[in-house]
Structure formats: C-alpha cells, structure tokens
C-alpha cells in the first residue's frame, strides 16, 4: 500500500512536469509564430521600410558633410585637401542616395496606385 502511494505520487509529479514543460514549449512556439507573422511584410511595406532607412542614412550623411565643412573652417591648409576629398565622396554618396530614394518613392507611388485601382 505504501509503495502504491509512492508510485502514484511519483507518477503525479512526473506527469505534472511533462504537462508544464509541454505548456511552456507550446507558449514558446506560439510566440515564435507570432513574431514570424509580424515579420512577414508585403512588398509595399518592405519598400516603405527601405525608404525610411534610406532617409535616415541620408540625414546621417548630411550631418557628416556639415561636420567636414566645419573642419575645413577650423583646420590648417595641409588638412584642407584631404577634407575636400572626403567632402567630395560624401556628396557623391548623398547624391546617389537621393537618386535611389527618389526611385523608391516613385515605386511606392506606383504600387499604391496599383493597389488603389478598382478590380475590373
């Protein structure tokens, strides 16, 4: 009788452990599934996100350009040539970034127009 009670208690403990671990694994799977669903973006949303990143990069490059121009004002004549080269490169990057940003904005507008057109 005593062994039966010990075996029943042991089975109860093991069973509870299995149930709890199964529940926790199920919760983790659910959270991962929700995160995956959130990560699934439409092409329009991906392009919109890319546009926002391009805008951030463009702002950063503008700040770098301003800092370089301030360095020219506060530097010796020896450093000016090197700083001018850096400014040239940053301006080129900004120009390319703006062109790409304009292309993305144009594509977003086209995609929005395609989505807004009523189905025939």
N, C-alpha and C. Protein backbone atom coordinates (compact mmCIF):
# COMPACT_ATOMS: atom_id res chain seq x y z
N UNK A 1 0.83 -1.18 0.00
CA UNK A 1 0.00 0.00 0.00
C UNK A 1 0.88 1.24 0.00
N UNK A 2 1.92 1.19 0.80
CA UNK A 2 2.83 2.32 0.88
C UNK A 2 3.56 2.55 -0.45
N UNK A 3 3.98 1.47 -1.09
CA UNK A 3 4.68 1.57 -2.37
C UNK A 3 3.72 2.10 -3.43
N UNK A 4 2.47 1.71 -3.39
CA UNK A 4 1.48 2.18 -4.35
C UNK A 4 1.30 3.69 -4.24
N UNK A 5 1.24 4.19 -3.03
CA UNK A 5 1.09 5.64 -2.82
C UNK A 5 2.33 6.37 -3.31
N UNK A 6 3.50 5.83 -3.04
CA UNK A 6 4.75 6.46 -3.51
C UNK A 6 4.80 6.47 -5.03
N UNK A 7 4.40 5.36 -5.65
CA UNK A 7 4.38 5.27 -7.12
C UNK A 7 3.37 6.27 -7.69
N UNK A 8 2.19 6.39 -7.08
CA UNK A 8 1.19 7.34 -7.55
C UNK A 8 1.68 8.79 -7.41
N UNK A 9 2.32 9.09 -6.32
CA UNK A 9 2.87 10.45 -6.12
C UNK A 9 3.97 10.72 -7.15
N UNK A 10 4.83 9.74 -7.38
CA UNK A 10 5.90 9.90 -8.36
C UNK A 10 5.31 10.12 -9.75
N UNK A 11 4.29 9.33 -10.11
CA UNK A 11 3.63 9.49 -11.41
C UNK A 11 2.96 10.86 -11.52
N UNK A 12 2.37 11.31 -10.44
CA UNK A 12 1.74 12.63 -10.42
C UNK A 12 2.77 13.72 -10.64
N UNK A 13 3.92 13.61 -9.98
CA UNK A 13 4.98 14.61 -10.14
C UNK A 13 5.53 14.59 -11.56
N UNK A 14 5.83 13.40 -12.07
CA UNK A 14 6.35 13.28 -13.44
C UNK A 14 5.32 13.79 -14.44
N UNK A 15 4.08 13.40 -14.27
CA UNK A 15 3.03 13.85 -15.19
C UNK A 15 2.87 15.36 -15.16
N UNK A 16 2.92 15.95 -13.99
CA UNK A 16 2.83 17.41 -13.87
C UNK A 16 4.01 18.09 -14.57
N UNK A 17 5.18 17.51 -14.39
CA UNK A 17 6.37 18.06 -15.06
C UNK A 17 6.24 18.01 -16.56
N UNK A 18 5.73 16.90 -17.09
CA UNK A 18 5.54 16.77 -18.53
C UNK A 18 4.50 17.77 -19.03
N UNK A 19 3.43 17.92 -18.33
CA UNK A 19 2.37 18.87 -18.72
C UNK A 19 2.90 20.31 -18.70
N UNK A 20 3.60 20.65 -17.65
CA UNK A 20 4.14 22.02 -17.54
C UNK A 20 5.17 22.29 -18.63
N UNK A 21 6.06 21.32 -18.86
CA UNK A 21 7.06 21.54 -19.92
C UNK A 21 6.40 21.62 -21.29
N UNK A 22 5.39 20.80 -21.53
CA UNK A 22 4.66 20.87 -22.80
C UNK A 22 3.96 22.20 -22.98
N UNK A 23 3.39 22.71 -21.91
CA UNK A 23 2.72 24.01 -21.96
C UNK A 23 3.72 25.12 -22.27
N UNK A 24 4.91 25.07 -21.64
CA UNK A 24 5.91 26.11 -21.86
C UNK A 24 6.44 26.05 -23.29
N UNK A 25 6.67 24.85 -23.81
CA UNK A 25 7.14 24.70 -25.19
C UNK A 25 6.08 25.23 -26.15
N UNK A 26 4.82 24.94 -25.86
CA UNK A 26 3.72 25.42 -26.69
C UNK A 26 3.67 26.95 -26.69
N UNK A 27 3.88 27.57 -25.55
CA UNK A 27 3.90 29.03 -25.45
C UNK A 27 5.04 29.61 -26.28
N UNK A 28 6.22 28.99 -26.20
CA UNK A 28 7.36 29.47 -26.98
C UNK A 28 7.08 29.35 -28.47
N UNK A 29 6.49 28.23 -28.88
CA UNK A 29 6.14 28.05 -30.29
C UNK A 29 5.14 29.11 -30.74
N UNK A 30 4.18 29.41 -29.89
CA UNK A 30 3.19 30.43 -30.21
C UNK A 30 3.83 31.80 -30.37
N UNK A 31 4.75 32.14 -29.45
CA UNK A 31 5.44 33.43 -29.54
C UNK A 31 6.27 33.51 -30.80
N UNK A 32 6.97 32.43 -31.14
CA UNK A 32 7.77 32.43 -32.36
C UNK A 32 6.89 32.57 -33.59
N UNK A 33 5.74 31.92 -33.59
CA UNK A 33 4.81 32.02 -34.71
C UNK A 33 4.30 33.45 -34.86
N UNK A 34 3.99 34.10 -33.74
CA UNK A 34 3.52 35.48 -33.79
C UNK A 34 4.61 36.41 -34.30
N UNK A 35 5.85 36.19 -33.86
CA UNK A 35 6.96 37.02 -34.33
C UNK A 35 7.17 36.81 -35.82
N UNK A 36 7.01 35.58 -36.30
CA UNK A 36 7.17 35.29 -37.72
C UNK A 36 6.07 36.00 -38.51
N UNK A 37 4.86 35.97 -38.00
CA UNK A 37 3.75 36.64 -38.68
C UNK A 37 4.01 38.13 -38.77
N UNK A 38 4.54 38.70 -37.71
CA UNK A 38 4.83 40.13 -37.71
C UNK A 38 5.91 40.45 -38.73
N UNK A 39 6.88 39.52 -38.89
CA UNK A 39 7.98 39.77 -39.80
C UNK A 39 7.58 39.63 -41.26
N UNK A 40 6.47 38.98 -41.54
CA UNK A 40 6.03 38.82 -42.92
C UNK A 40 5.43 40.14 -43.39
N UNK A 41 6.12 40.79 -44.30
CA UNK A 41 5.69 42.09 -44.79
C UNK A 41 5.35 41.98 -46.27
N UNK A 42 4.43 42.82 -46.69
CA UNK A 42 4.12 42.89 -48.11
C UNK A 42 5.26 43.60 -48.82
N UNK A 43 5.37 43.45 -50.14
CA UNK A 43 6.42 44.17 -50.86
C UNK A 43 6.34 45.69 -50.64
N UNK A 44 5.13 46.20 -50.56
CA UNK A 44 4.96 47.64 -50.33
C UNK A 44 5.53 48.03 -48.97
N UNK A 45 5.24 47.22 -47.94
CA UNK A 45 5.74 47.51 -46.60
C UNK A 45 7.26 47.41 -46.54
N UNK A 46 7.82 46.42 -47.25
CA UNK A 46 9.27 46.28 -47.30
C UNK A 46 9.90 47.51 -47.96
N UNK A 47 9.30 47.96 -49.05
CA UNK A 47 9.83 49.12 -49.76
C UNK A 47 9.68 50.38 -48.92
N UNK A 48 8.59 50.49 -48.20
CA UNK A 48 8.37 51.63 -47.31
C UNK A 48 9.42 51.64 -46.20
N UNK A 49 9.70 50.46 -45.65
CA UNK A 49 10.73 50.35 -44.61
C UNK A 49 12.10 50.72 -45.18
N UNK A 50 12.39 50.27 -46.38
CA UNK A 50 13.66 50.58 -47.04
C UNK A 50 13.77 52.09 -47.28
N UNK A 51 12.67 52.71 -47.68
CA UNK A 51 12.67 54.16 -47.89
C UNK A 51 13.00 54.89 -46.60
N UNK A 52 12.41 54.46 -45.51
CA UNK A 52 12.68 55.09 -44.22
C UNK A 52 14.15 54.95 -43.83
N UNK A 53 14.72 53.78 -44.09
CA UNK A 53 16.14 53.57 -43.79
C UNK A 53 17.01 54.47 -44.67
N UNK A 54 16.64 54.61 -45.94
CA UNK A 54 17.39 55.49 -46.84
C UNK A 54 17.33 56.94 -46.36
N UNK A 55 16.18 57.35 -45.86
CA UNK A 55 16.05 58.72 -45.35
C UNK A 55 16.95 58.93 -44.14
N UNK A 56 17.02 57.92 -43.26
CA UNK A 56 17.90 58.02 -42.09
C UNK A 56 19.36 58.11 -42.52
N UNK A 57 19.74 57.29 -43.49
CA UNK A 57 21.12 57.31 -43.99
C UNK A 57 21.43 58.66 -44.61
N UNK A 58 20.48 59.20 -45.34
CA UNK A 58 20.68 60.50 -45.98
C UNK A 58 20.88 61.59 -44.94
N UNK A 59 20.09 61.58 -43.88
CA UNK A 59 20.25 62.56 -42.81
C UNK A 59 21.62 62.44 -42.15
N UNK A 60 22.04 61.20 -41.92
CA UNK A 60 23.35 60.98 -41.32
C UNK A 60 24.46 61.52 -42.23
N UNK A 61 24.36 61.24 -43.52
CA UNK A 61 25.37 61.73 -44.46
C UNK A 61 25.39 63.26 -44.52
N UNK A 62 24.22 63.86 -44.41
CA UNK A 62 24.17 65.33 -44.38
C UNK A 62 24.91 65.86 -43.15
N UNK A 63 24.75 65.20 -42.03
CA UNK A 63 25.44 65.62 -40.81
C UNK A 63 26.95 65.46 -40.97
N UNK A 64 27.37 64.36 -41.58
CA UNK A 64 28.80 64.15 -41.81
C UNK A 64 29.35 65.25 -42.71
N UNK A 65 28.61 65.61 -43.72
CA UNK A 65 29.04 66.67 -44.64
C UNK A 65 29.19 67.99 -43.90
N UNK A 66 28.22 68.31 -43.06
CA UNK A 66 28.31 69.56 -42.29
C UNK A 66 29.52 69.56 -41.36
N UNK A 67 29.79 68.42 -40.74
CA UNK A 67 30.95 68.32 -39.85
C UNK A 67 32.26 68.50 -40.63
N UNK A 68 32.32 67.92 -41.81
CA UNK A 68 33.53 68.06 -42.64
C UNK A 68 33.72 69.51 -43.08
N UNK A 69 32.63 70.17 -43.42
CA UNK A 69 32.74 71.56 -43.82
C UNK A 69 33.19 72.44 -42.65
N UNK A 70 32.74 72.09 -41.46
CA UNK A 70 33.19 72.83 -40.28
C UNK A 70 34.67 72.57 -40.02
N UNK A 71 35.12 71.35 -40.30
CA UNK A 71 36.54 71.03 -40.12
C UNK A 71 37.41 71.86 -41.05
N UNK A 72 36.91 72.12 -42.26
CA UNK A 72 37.68 72.95 -43.20
C UNK A 72 37.86 74.35 -42.63
N UNK A 73 36.82 74.88 -42.05
CA UNK A 73 36.89 76.23 -41.49
C UNK A 73 37.86 76.30 -40.33
N UNK A 74 38.03 75.19 -39.61
CA UNK A 74 38.85 75.20 -38.40
C UNK A 74 40.19 74.46 -38.56
N UNK A 75 40.61 74.18 -39.78
CA UNK A 75 41.82 73.38 -39.94
C UNK A 75 42.92 74.16 -40.66
N UNK A 76 44.09 73.54 -40.66
CA UNK A 76 45.23 74.10 -41.38
C UNK A 76 45.07 73.84 -42.87
N UNK A 77 45.87 74.56 -43.65
CA UNK A 77 45.82 74.41 -45.11
C UNK A 77 46.24 73.00 -45.54
N UNK A 78 47.05 72.34 -44.74
CA UNK A 78 47.52 70.99 -45.09
C UNK A 78 46.37 70.00 -45.08
N UNK A 79 45.49 70.10 -44.12
CA UNK A 79 44.37 69.17 -43.98
C UNK A 79 43.23 69.45 -44.96
N UNK A 80 43.19 70.62 -45.52
CA UNK A 80 42.05 71.02 -46.36
C UNK A 80 41.90 70.11 -47.57
N UNK A 81 42.99 69.72 -48.19
CA UNK A 81 42.89 68.88 -49.39
C UNK A 81 42.27 67.52 -49.05
N UNK A 82 42.72 66.94 -47.96
CA UNK A 82 42.17 65.65 -47.54
C UNK A 82 40.69 65.79 -47.18
N UNK A 83 40.34 66.84 -46.48
CA UNK A 83 38.94 67.06 -46.10
C UNK A 83 38.09 67.31 -47.34
N UNK A 84 38.63 68.03 -48.32
CA UNK A 84 37.89 68.25 -49.56
C UNK A 84 37.62 66.94 -50.29
N UNK A 85 38.57 66.02 -50.25
CA UNK A 85 38.36 64.71 -50.86
C UNK A 85 37.23 63.97 -50.13
N UNK A 86 37.25 64.04 -48.82
CA UNK A 86 36.19 63.39 -48.04
C UNK A 86 34.83 64.02 -48.36
N UNK A 87 34.81 65.34 -48.48
CA UNK A 87 33.56 66.04 -48.81
C UNK A 87 33.06 65.59 -50.17
N UNK A 88 33.97 65.45 -51.14
CA UNK A 88 33.59 65.01 -52.48
C UNK A 88 32.92 63.63 -52.41
N UNK A 89 33.53 62.73 -51.65
CA UNK A 89 32.99 61.37 -51.53
C UNK A 89 31.63 61.40 -50.85
N UNK A 90 31.50 62.17 -49.78
CA UNK A 90 30.22 62.23 -49.06
C UNK A 90 29.14 62.84 -49.95
N UNK A 91 29.48 63.88 -50.71
CA UNK A 91 28.50 64.49 -51.63
C UNK A 91 28.05 63.48 -52.68
N UNK A 92 29.00 62.69 -53.17
CA UNK A 92 28.66 61.67 -54.17
C UNK A 92 27.71 60.64 -53.57
N UNK A 93 28.01 60.20 -52.35
CA UNK A 93 27.15 59.22 -51.67
C UNK A 93 25.75 59.82 -51.45
N UNK A 94 25.70 61.06 -51.03
CA UNK A 94 24.40 61.72 -50.80
C UNK A 94 23.63 61.80 -52.10
N UNK A 95 24.30 62.15 -53.18
CA UNK A 95 23.64 62.24 -54.48
C UNK A 95 23.07 60.89 -54.91
N UNK A 96 23.87 59.84 -54.77
CA UNK A 96 23.40 58.51 -55.14
C UNK A 96 22.25 58.06 -54.24
N UNK A 97 22.36 58.40 -52.96
CA UNK A 97 21.31 58.05 -52.01
C UNK A 97 20.01 58.76 -52.37
N UNK A 98 20.10 60.04 -52.73
CA UNK A 98 18.89 60.79 -53.10
C UNK A 98 18.25 60.20 -54.35
N UNK A 99 19.08 59.82 -55.33
CA UNK A 99 18.55 59.21 -56.55
C UNK A 99 17.83 57.91 -56.23
N UNK A 100 18.45 57.08 -55.41
CA UNK A 100 17.82 55.82 -55.04
C UNK A 100 16.54 56.07 -54.24
N UNK A 101 16.56 57.07 -53.36
CA UNK A 101 15.38 57.41 -52.58
C UNK A 101 14.25 57.87 -53.49
N UNK A 102 14.57 58.68 -54.49
CA UNK A 102 13.55 59.12 -55.44
C UNK A 102 12.97 57.93 -56.20
N UNK A 103 13.84 56.97 -56.59
CA UNK A 103 13.35 55.78 -57.29
C UNK A 103 12.42 54.96 -56.39
N UNK A 104 12.78 54.83 -55.12
CA UNK A 104 11.94 54.07 -54.18
C UNK A 104 10.61 54.78 -53.97
N UNK A 105 10.65 56.09 -53.81
CA UNK A 105 9.40 56.84 -53.64
C UNK A 105 8.51 56.70 -54.87
N UNK A 106 9.12 56.74 -56.06
CA UNK A 106 8.36 56.56 -57.30
C UNK A 106 7.73 55.17 -57.34
N UNK A 107 8.50 54.16 -56.98
CA UNK A 107 7.99 52.79 -56.99
C UNK A 107 6.86 52.62 -55.96
N UNK A 108 7.02 53.24 -54.80
CA UNK A 108 5.96 53.18 -53.78
C UNK A 108 4.67 53.81 -54.31
N UNK A 109 4.81 54.93 -55.00
CA UNK A 109 3.63 55.59 -55.56
C UNK A 109 2.96 54.70 -56.59
N UNK A 110 3.76 54.04 -57.44
CA UNK A 110 3.20 53.14 -58.44
C UNK A 110 2.48 51.97 -57.78
N UNK A 111 3.11 51.41 -56.74
CA UNK A 111 2.49 50.28 -56.05
C UNK A 111 1.19 50.70 -55.38
N UNK A 112 1.18 51.90 -54.82
CA UNK A 112 -0.03 52.39 -54.16
C UNK A 112 -1.13 52.60 -55.18
N UNK A 113 -0.76 53.16 -56.35
CA UNK A 113 -1.75 53.35 -57.40
C UNK A 113 -2.32 52.01 -57.88
N UNK A 114 -1.45 51.02 -58.01
CA UNK A 114 -1.90 49.69 -58.43
C UNK A 114 -2.86 49.09 -57.41
N UNK A 115 -2.59 49.30 -56.14
CA UNK A 115 -3.45 48.75 -55.09
C UNK A 115 -4.75 49.52 -54.96
N UNK A 116 -4.74 50.81 -55.31
CA UNK A 116 -5.92 51.65 -55.18
C UNK A 116 -6.89 51.49 -56.35
N UNK A 117 -6.41 50.98 -57.49
CA UNK A 117 -7.27 50.83 -58.66
C UNK A 117 -8.31 49.75 -58.38
N UNK A 118 -9.57 50.02 -58.72
CA UNK A 118 -10.61 49.00 -58.51
C UNK A 118 -10.40 47.82 -59.46
N UNK A 119 -10.74 46.65 -58.99
CA UNK A 119 -10.61 45.44 -59.82
C UNK A 119 -11.63 45.48 -60.92
N UNK A 120 -11.20 45.12 -62.13
CA UNK A 120 -12.11 45.13 -63.30
C UNK A 120 -12.83 43.84 -63.43
